[in-house]
């Protein structure tokens, strides 16, 4: 596996990871990659997908709002735009 395939995912922004993932998916769908490159692309894609899911979960938690439940109490509630 090349260094690019195994390293650097954690440093990518959500947008960068999604862009790279889209490119990898497109290349895999074309079906013209040699087997070893296809396997590496799939492995890298899995890392990128997991990274994006982690970033989305973190963003969701940031959007959740604190709701006061009484004197000294608080809880998290999903963000409600309405």
PDB file of N, CA and C in Angstrom:
ATOM      1  N   UNK A   1       0.823  -1.177   0.000  1.00  0.00           N
ATOM      2  CA  UNK A   1       0.000   0.000   0.000  1.00  0.00           C
ATOM      3  C   UNK A   1       0.868   1.241   0.000  1.00  0.00           C
ATOM      4  N   UNK A   2       0.489   2.234  -0.744  1.00  0.00           N
ATOM      5  CA  UNK A   2       1.276   3.449  -0.782  1.00  0.00           C
ATOM      6  C   UNK A   2       0.988   4.310   0.434  1.00  0.00           C
ATOM      7  N   UNK A   3       1.895   5.258   0.706  1.00  0.00           N
ATOM      8  CA  UNK A   3       1.714   6.149   1.845  1.00  0.00           C
ATOM      9  C   UNK A   3       0.438   6.969   1.681  1.00  0.00           C
ATOM     10  N   UNK A   4       0.147   7.415   0.458  1.00  0.00           N
ATOM     11  CA  UNK A   4      -1.062   8.198   0.216  1.00  0.00           C
ATOM     12  C   UNK A   4      -2.314   7.406   0.569  1.00  0.00           C
ATOM     13  N   UNK A   5      -2.290   6.102   0.359  1.00  0.00           N
ATOM     14  CA  UNK A   5      -3.444   5.265   0.631  1.00  0.00           C
ATOM     15  C   UNK A   5      -3.701   5.120   2.120  1.00  0.00           C
ATOM     16  N   UNK A   6      -2.668   5.143   2.944  1.00  0.00           N
ATOM     17  CA  UNK A   6      -2.858   4.867   4.360  1.00  0.00           C
ATOM     18  C   UNK A   6      -2.744   6.080   5.253  1.00  0.00           C
ATOM     19  N   UNK A   7      -2.174   7.184   4.794  1.00  0.00           N
ATOM     20  CA  UNK A   7      -1.925   8.329   5.654  1.00  0.00           C
ATOM     21  C   UNK A   7      -2.660   9.568   5.188  1.00  0.00           C
ATOM     22  N   UNK A   8      -2.801  10.497   6.129  1.00  0.00           N
ATOM     23  CA  UNK A   8      -3.296  11.820   5.782  1.00  0.00           C
ATOM     24  C   UNK A   8      -4.788  12.021   5.856  1.00  0.00           C
ATOM     25  N   UNK A   9      -5.577  10.991   6.051  1.00  0.00           N
ATOM     26  CA  UNK A   9      -7.027  11.151   6.064  1.00  0.00           C
ATOM     27  C   UNK A   9      -7.463  12.041   7.224  1.00  0.00           C
ATOM     28  N   UNK A  10      -6.878  11.872   8.388  1.00  0.00           N
ATOM     29  CA  UNK A  10      -7.288  12.637   9.565  1.00  0.00           C
ATOM     30  C   UNK A  10      -7.061  14.135   9.421  1.00  0.00           C
ATOM     31  N   UNK A  11      -6.152  14.535   8.545  1.00  0.00           N
ATOM     32  CA  UNK A  11      -5.861  15.957   8.363  1.00  0.00           C
ATOM     33  C   UNK A  11      -6.808  16.624   7.361  1.00  0.00           C
ATOM     34  N   UNK A  12      -7.608  15.836   6.656  1.00  0.00           N
ATOM     35  CA  UNK A  12      -8.490  16.382   5.629  1.00  0.00           C
ATOM     36  C   UNK A  12      -9.743  17.007   6.242  1.00  0.00           C
ATOM     37  N   UNK A  13     -10.205  18.082   5.626  1.00  0.00           N
ATOM     38  CA  UNK A  13     -11.503  18.637   6.007  1.00  0.00           C
ATOM     39  C   UNK A  13     -12.583  17.698   5.457  1.00  0.00           C
ATOM     40  N   UNK A  14     -13.800  17.917   5.898  1.00  0.00           N
ATOM     41  CA  UNK A  14     -14.918  17.123   5.391  1.00  0.00           C
ATOM     42  C   UNK A  14     -15.016  17.263   3.875  1.00  0.00           C
ATOM     43  N   UNK A  15     -14.931  18.493   3.404  1.00  0.00           N
ATOM     44  CA  UNK A  15     -15.070  18.759   1.970  1.00  0.00           C
ATOM     45  C   UNK A  15     -13.958  18.103   1.157  1.00  0.00           C
ATOM     46  N   UNK A  16     -12.731  18.159   1.657  1.00  0.00           N
ATOM     47  CA  UNK A  16     -11.611  17.526   0.960  1.00  0.00           C
ATOM     48  C   UNK A  16     -11.792  16.011   0.906  1.00  0.00           C
ATOM     49  N   UNK A  17     -12.220  15.427   2.022  1.00  0.00           N
ATOM     50  CA  UNK A  17     -12.422  13.976   2.076  1.00  0.00           C
ATOM     51  C   UNK A  17     -13.543  13.556   1.129  1.00  0.00           C
ATOM     52  N   UNK A  18     -14.640  14.322   1.101  1.00  0.00           N
ATOM     53  CA  UNK A  18     -15.744  13.991   0.201  1.00  0.00           C
ATOM     54  C   UNK A  18     -15.319  14.087  -1.258  1.00  0.00           C
ATOM     55  N   UNK A  19     -14.551  15.112  -1.585  1.00  0.00           N
ATOM     56  CA  UNK A  19     -14.095  15.280  -2.965  1.00  0.00           C
ATOM     57  C   UNK A  19     -13.219  14.100  -3.388  1.00  0.00           C
ATOM     58  N   UNK A  20     -12.284  13.718  -2.513  1.00  0.00           N
ATOM     59  CA  UNK A  20     -11.426  12.581  -2.836  1.00  0.00           C
ATOM     60  C   UNK A  20     -12.235  11.292  -2.935  1.00  0.00           C
ATOM     61  N   UNK A  21     -13.204  11.131  -2.041  1.00  0.00           N
ATOM     62  CA  UNK A  21     -14.053   9.941  -2.066  1.00  0.00           C
ATOM     63  C   UNK A  21     -14.847   9.873  -3.372  1.00  0.00           C
ATOM     64  N   UNK A  22     -15.383  10.992  -3.809  1.00  0.00           N
ATOM     65  CA  UNK A  22     -16.125  11.019  -5.074  1.00  0.00           C
ATOM     66  C   UNK A  22     -15.239  10.627  -6.249  1.00  0.00           C
ATOM     67  N   UNK A  23     -14.011  11.106  -6.256  1.00  0.00           N
ATOM     68  CA  UNK A  23     -13.069  10.760  -7.324  1.00  0.00           C
ATOM     69  C   UNK A  23     -12.768   9.261  -7.307  1.00  0.00           C
ATOM     70  N   UNK A  24     -12.537   8.719  -6.114  1.00  0.00           N
ATOM     71  CA  UNK A  24     -12.253   7.278  -6.001  1.00  0.00           C
ATOM     72  C   UNK A  24     -13.432   6.448  -6.469  1.00  0.00           C
ATOM     73  N   UNK A  25     -14.635   6.836  -6.072  1.00  0.00           N
ATOM     74  CA  UNK A  25     -15.833   6.092  -6.480  1.00  0.00           C
ATOM     75  C   UNK A  25     -15.972   6.120  -7.990  1.00  0.00           C
ATOM     76  N   UNK A  26     -15.768   7.292  -8.581  1.00  0.00           N
ATOM     77  CA  UNK A  26     -15.855   7.422 -10.036  1.00  0.00           C
ATOM     78  C   UNK A  26     -14.854   6.490 -10.725  1.00  0.00           C
ATOM     79  N   UNK A  27     -13.618   6.477 -10.220  1.00  0.00           N
ATOM     80  CA  UNK A  27     -12.584   5.625 -10.826  1.00  0.00           C
ATOM     81  C   UNK A  27     -12.939   4.149 -10.682  1.00  0.00           C
ATOM     82  N   UNK A  28     -13.474   3.773  -9.509  1.00  0.00           N
ATOM     83  CA  UNK A  28     -13.868   2.373  -9.305  1.00  0.00           C
ATOM     84  C   UNK A  28     -15.041   1.996 -10.207  1.00  0.00           C
ATOM     85  N   UNK A  29     -15.988   2.897 -10.363  1.00  0.00           N
ATOM     86  CA  UNK A  29     -17.153   2.616 -11.211  1.00  0.00           C
ATOM     87  C   UNK A  29     -16.769   2.449 -12.675  1.00  0.00           C
ATOM     88  N   UNK A  30     -15.719   3.136 -13.105  1.00  0.00           N
ATOM     89  CA  UNK A  30     -15.264   2.997 -14.489  1.00  0.00           C
ATOM     90  C   UNK A  30     -14.750   1.587 -14.759  1.00  0.00           C
ATOM     91  N   UNK A  31     -14.255   0.926 -13.724  1.00  0.00           N
ATOM     92  CA  UNK A  31     -13.822  -0.463 -13.859  1.00  0.00           C
ATOM     93  C   UNK A  31     -12.541  -0.679 -14.638  1.00  0.00           C
ATOM     94  N   UNK A  32     -11.720   0.345 -14.754  1.00  0.00           N
ATOM     95  CA  UNK A  32     -10.495   0.205 -15.549  1.00  0.00           C
ATOM     96  C   UNK A  32      -9.233   0.147 -14.696  1.00  0.00           C
ATOM     97  N   UNK A  33      -9.370   0.117 -13.390  1.00  0.00           N
ATOM     98  CA  UNK A  33      -8.192   0.050 -12.523  1.00  0.00           C
ATOM     99  C   UNK A  33      -7.676  -1.379 -12.442  1.00  0.00           C
ATOM    100  N   UNK A  34      -6.376  -1.546 -12.435  1.00  0.00           N
ATOM    101  CA  UNK A  34      -5.830  -2.872 -12.157  1.00  0.00           C
ATOM    102  C   UNK A  34      -6.282  -3.321 -10.765  1.00  0.00           C
ATOM    103  N   UNK A  35      -6.330  -4.601 -10.548  1.00  0.00           N
ATOM    104  CA  UNK A  35      -6.869  -5.158  -9.307  1.00  0.00           C
ATOM    105  C   UNK A  35      -6.238  -4.542  -8.062  1.00  0.00           C
ATOM    106  N   UNK A  36      -4.918  -4.474  -8.003  1.00  0.00           N
ATOM    107  CA  UNK A  36      -4.250  -3.953  -6.807  1.00  0.00           C
ATOM    108  C   UNK A  36      -4.619  -2.493  -6.551  1.00  0.00           C
ATOM    109  N   UNK A  37      -4.694  -1.694  -7.613  1.00  0.00           N
ATOM    110  CA  UNK A  37      -5.086  -0.290  -7.458  1.00  0.00           C
ATOM    111  C   UNK A  37      -6.546  -0.172  -7.023  1.00  0.00           C
ATOM    112  N   UNK A  38      -7.391  -1.047  -7.529  1.00  0.00           N
ATOM    113  CA  UNK A  38      -8.802  -1.037  -7.137  1.00  0.00           C
ATOM    114  C   UNK A  38      -8.940  -1.367  -5.651  1.00  0.00           C
ATOM    115  N   UNK A  39      -8.169  -2.327  -5.177  1.00  0.00           N
ATOM    116  CA  UNK A  39      -8.204  -2.684  -3.757  1.00  0.00           C
ATOM    117  C   UNK A  39      -7.721  -1.516  -2.907  1.00  0.00           C
ATOM    118  N   UNK A  40      -6.644  -0.871  -3.322  1.00  0.00           N
ATOM    119  CA  UNK A  40      -6.130   0.284  -2.589  1.00  0.00           C
ATOM    120  C   UNK A  40      -7.142   1.426  -2.592  1.00  0.00           C
ATOM    121  N   UNK A  41      -7.789   1.657  -3.711  1.00  0.00           N
ATOM    122  CA  UNK A  41      -8.797   2.713  -3.806  1.00  0.00           C
ATOM    123  C   UNK A  41      -9.971   2.402  -2.879  1.00  0.00           C
ATOM    124  N   UNK A  42     -10.377   1.140  -2.836  1.00  0.00           N
ATOM    125  CA  UNK A  42     -11.473   0.726  -1.956  1.00  0.00           C
ATOM    126  C   UNK A  42     -11.098   0.939  -0.491  1.00  0.00           C
ATOM    127  N   UNK A  43      -9.877   0.541  -0.123  1.00  0.00           N
ATOM    128  CA  UNK A  43      -9.423   0.717   1.257  1.00  0.00           C
ATOM    129  C   UNK A  43      -9.368   2.194   1.627  1.00  0.00           C
ATOM    130  N   UNK A  44      -8.827   3.012   0.737  1.00  0.00           N
ATOM    131  CA  UNK A  44      -8.751   4.456   0.977  1.00  0.00           C
ATOM    132  C   UNK A  44     -10.165   5.041   1.065  1.00  0.00           C
ATOM    133  N   UNK A  45     -11.044   4.577   0.210  1.00  0.00           N
ATOM    134  CA  UNK A  45     -12.427   5.035   0.235  1.00  0.00           C
ATOM    135  C   UNK A  45     -13.116   4.716   1.549  1.00  0.00           C
ATOM    136  N   UNK A  46     -12.830   3.547   2.095  1.00  0.00           N
ATOM    137  CA  UNK A  46     -13.397   3.171   3.391  1.00  0.00           C
ATOM    138  C   UNK A  46     -12.904   4.112   4.488  1.00  0.00           C
ATOM    139  N   UNK A  47     -11.611   4.428   4.463  1.00  0.00           N
ATOM    140  CA  UNK A  47     -11.064   5.379   5.445  1.00  0.00           C
ATOM    141  C   UNK A  47     -11.713   6.755   5.293  1.00  0.00           C
ATOM    142  N   UNK A  48     -11.873   7.194   4.055  1.00  0.00           N
ATOM    143  CA  UNK A  48     -12.475   8.497   3.799  1.00  0.00           C
ATOM    144  C   UNK A  48     -13.938   8.529   4.243  1.00  0.00           C
ATOM    145  N   UNK A  49     -14.673   7.463   3.970  1.00  0.00           N
ATOM    146  CA  UNK A  49     -16.081   7.376   4.381  1.00  0.00           C
ATOM    147  C   UNK A  49     -16.194   7.464   5.898  1.00  0.00           C
ATOM    148  N   UNK A  50     -15.369   6.710   6.601  1.00  0.00           N
ATOM    149  CA  UNK A  50     -15.398   6.735   8.064  1.00  0.00           C
ATOM    150  C   UNK A  50     -15.039   8.124   8.592  1.00  0.00           C
ATOM    151  N   UNK A  51     -14.064   8.757   7.964  1.00  0.00           N
ATOM    152  CA  UNK A  51     -13.656  10.111   8.359  1.00  0.00           C
ATOM    153  C   UNK A  51     -14.820  11.090   8.175  1.00  0.00           C
ATOM    154  N   UNK A  52     -15.514  10.998   7.049  1.00  0.00           N
ATOM    155  CA  UNK A  52     -16.649  11.888   6.791  1.00  0.00           C
ATOM    156  C   UNK A  52     -17.767  11.649   7.800  1.00  0.00           C
ATOM    157  N   UNK A  53     -18.044  10.394   8.122  1.00  0.00           N
ATOM    158  CA  UNK A  53     -19.074  10.094   9.109  1.00  0.00           C
ATOM    159  C   UNK A  53     -18.714  10.672  10.478  1.00  0.00           C
ATOM    160  N   UNK A  54     -17.452  10.588  10.852  1.00  0.00           N
ATOM    161  CA  UNK A  54     -16.994  11.154  12.121  1.00  0.00           C
ATOM    162  C   UNK A  54     -17.159  12.666  12.127  1.00  0.00           C
ATOM    163  N   UNK A  55     -16.781  13.306  11.022  1.00  0.00           N
ATOM    164  CA  UNK A  55     -16.921  14.762  10.918  1.00  0.00           C
ATOM    165  C   UNK A  55     -18.394  15.178  10.992  1.00  0.00           C
ATOM    166  N   UNK A  56     -19.273  14.415  10.339  1.00  0.00           N
ATOM    167  CA  UNK A  56     -20.693  14.736  10.377  1.00  0.00           C
ATOM    168  C   UNK A  56     -21.264  14.585  11.784  1.00  0.00           C
ATOM    169  N   UNK A  57     -20.857  13.532  12.474  1.00  0.00           N
ATOM    170  CA  UNK A  57     -21.319  13.319  13.847  1.00  0.00           C
ATOM    171  C   UNK A  57     -20.863  14.466  14.743  1.00  0.00           C
ATOM    172  N   UNK A  58     -19.624  14.897  14.584  1.00  0.00           N
ATOM    173  CA  UNK A  58     -19.098  16.016  15.372  1.00  0.00           C
ATOM    174  C   UNK A  58     -19.877  17.291  15.068  1.00  0.00           C
ATOM    175  N   UNK A  59     -20.209  17.505  13.811  1.00  0.00           N
ATOM    176  CA  UNK A  59     -20.981  18.687  13.436  1.00  0.00           C
ATOM    177  C   UNK A  59     -22.380  18.628  14.044  1.00  0.00           C
ATOM    178  N   UNK A  60     -22.989  17.453  14.055  1.00  0.00           N
ATOM    179  CA  UNK A  60     -24.317  17.296  14.646  1.00  0.00           C
ATOM    180  C   UNK A  60     -24.287  17.646  16.123  1.00  0.00           C
ATOM    181  N   UNK A  61     -23.285  17.181  16.822  1.00  0.00           N
ATOM    182  CA  UNK A  61     -23.176  17.476  18.245  1.00  0.00           C
ATOM    183  C   UNK A  61     -23.020  18.975  18.494  1.00  0.00           C
ATOM    184  N   UNK A  62     -22.319  19.644  17.598  1.00  0.00           N
ATOM    185  CA  UNK A  62     -22.148  21.094  17.741  1.00  0.00           C
ATOM    186  C   UNK A  62     -23.452  21.839  17.487  1.00  0.00           C
ATOM    187  N   UNK A  63     -24.308  21.270  16.647  1.00  0.00           N
ATOM    188  CA  UNK A  63     -25.578  21.911  16.327  1.00  0.00           C
ATOM    189  C   UNK A  63     -26.618  21.648  17.415  1.00  0.00           C
ATOM    190  N   UNK A  64     -26.488  20.528  18.115  1.00  0.00           N
ATOM    191  CA  UNK A  64     -27.403  20.263  19.223  1.00  0.00           C
ATOM    192  C   UNK A  64     -27.350  21.431  20.183  1.00  0.00           C
ATOM    193  N   UNK A  65     -28.469  21.724  20.775  1.00  0.00           N
ATOM    194  CA  UNK A  65     -28.527  22.876  21.665  1.00  0.00           C
ATOM    195  C   UNK A  65     -28.736  22.435  23.107  1.00  0.00           C
ATOM    196  N   UNK A  66     -28.268  23.248  24.001  1.00  0.00           N
ATOM    197  CA  UNK A  66     -28.449  23.006  25.414  1.00  0.00           C
ATOM    198  C   UNK A  66     -29.820  23.550  25.811  1.00  0.00           C
ATOM    199  N   UNK A  67     -30.618  22.717  26.477  1.00  0.00           N
ATOM    200  CA  UNK A  67     -31.938  23.118  26.934  1.00  0.00           C
ATOM    201  C   UNK A  67     -31.921  23.132  28.452  1.00  0.00           C
ATOM    202  N   UNK A  68     -32.293  24.256  29.025  1.00  0.00           N
ATOM    203  CA  UNK A  68     -32.364  24.345  30.474  1.00  0.00           C
ATOM    204  C   UNK A  68     -33.593  23.584  30.953  1.00  0.00           C
ATOM    205  N   UNK A  69     -33.394  22.725  31.964  1.00  0.00           N
ATOM    206  CA  UNK A  69     -34.483  21.884  32.453  1.00  0.00           C
ATOM    207  C   UNK A  69     -34.961  22.279  33.841  1.00  0.00           C
ATOM    208  N   UNK A  70     -34.458  23.345  34.361  1.00  0.00           N
ATOM    209  CA  UNK A  70     -34.861  23.789  35.688  1.00  0.00           C
ATOM    210  C   UNK A  70     -33.670  24.354  36.408  1.00  0.00           C
ATOM    211  N   UNK A  71     -33.828  24.636  37.676  1.00  0.00           N
ATOM    212  CA  UNK A  71     -32.719  25.197  38.443  1.00  0.00           C
ATOM    213  C   UNK A  71     -31.489  24.273  38.420  1.00  0.00           C
ATOM    214  N   UNK A  72     -30.452  24.741  37.774  1.00  0.00           N
ATOM    215  CA  UNK A  72     -29.199  23.989  37.737  1.00  0.00           C
ATOM    216  C   UNK A  72     -29.184  22.800  36.801  1.00  0.00           C
ATOM    217  N   UNK A  73     -30.233  22.558  36.049  1.00  0.00           N
ATOM    218  CA  UNK A  73     -30.281  21.393  35.166  1.00  0.00           C
ATOM    219  C   UNK A  73     -30.234  21.786  33.705  1.00  0.00           C
ATOM    220  N   UNK A  74     -29.674  20.928  32.919  1.00  0.00           N
ATOM    221  CA  UNK A  74     -29.598  21.162  31.477  1.00  0.00           C
ATOM    222  C   UNK A  74     -29.501  19.824  30.763  1.00  0.00           C
ATOM    223  N   UNK A  75     -29.955  19.820  29.516  1.00  0.00           N
ATOM    224  CA  UNK A  75     -29.825  18.629  28.677  1.00  0.00           C
ATOM    225  C   UNK A  75     -29.608  19.075  27.243  1.00  0.00           C
ATOM    226  N   UNK A  76     -29.220  18.133  26.413  1.00  0.00           N
ATOM    227  CA  UNK A  76     -29.057  18.412  24.979  1.00  0.00           C
ATOM    228  C   UNK A  76     -30.317  18.012  24.241  1.00  0.00           C
ATOM    229  N   UNK A  77     -30.715  18.837  23.308  1.00  0.00           N
ATOM    230  CA  UNK A  77     -31.853  18.530  22.449  1.00  0.00           C
ATOM    231  C   UNK A  77     -31.436  18.766  21.002  1.00  0.00           C
ATOM    232  N   UNK A  78     -31.975  18.011  20.071  1.00  0.00           N
ATOM    233  CA  UNK A  78     -31.641  18.246  18.665  1.00  0.00           C
ATOM    234  C   UNK A  78     -32.010  19.658  18.270  1.00  0.00           C
ATOM    235  N   UNK A  79     -31.213  20.219  17.384  1.00  0.00           N
ATOM    236  CA  UNK A  79     -31.467  21.556  16.884  1.00  0.00           C
ATOM    237  C   UNK A  79     -32.795  21.571  16.136  1.00  0.00           C
ATOM    238  N   UNK A  80     -33.637  22.545  16.441  1.00  0.00           N
ATOM    239  CA  UNK A  80     -34.921  22.693  15.766  1.00  0.00           C
ATOM    240  C   UNK A  80     -34.950  24.077  15.145  1.00  0.00           C
ATOM    241  N   UNK A  81     -34.923  24.130  13.818  1.00  0.00           N
ATOM    242  CA  UNK A  81     -34.855  25.407  13.110  1.00  0.00           C
ATOM    243  C   UNK A  81     -36.160  26.180  13.180  1.00  0.00           C
ATOM    244  N   UNK A  82     -37.244  25.541  13.559  1.00  0.00           N
ATOM    245  CA  UNK A  82     -38.539  26.239  13.603  1.00  0.00           C
ATOM    246  C   UNK A  82     -38.796  26.885  14.909  1.00  0.00           C
TER     247      UNK A  82
END
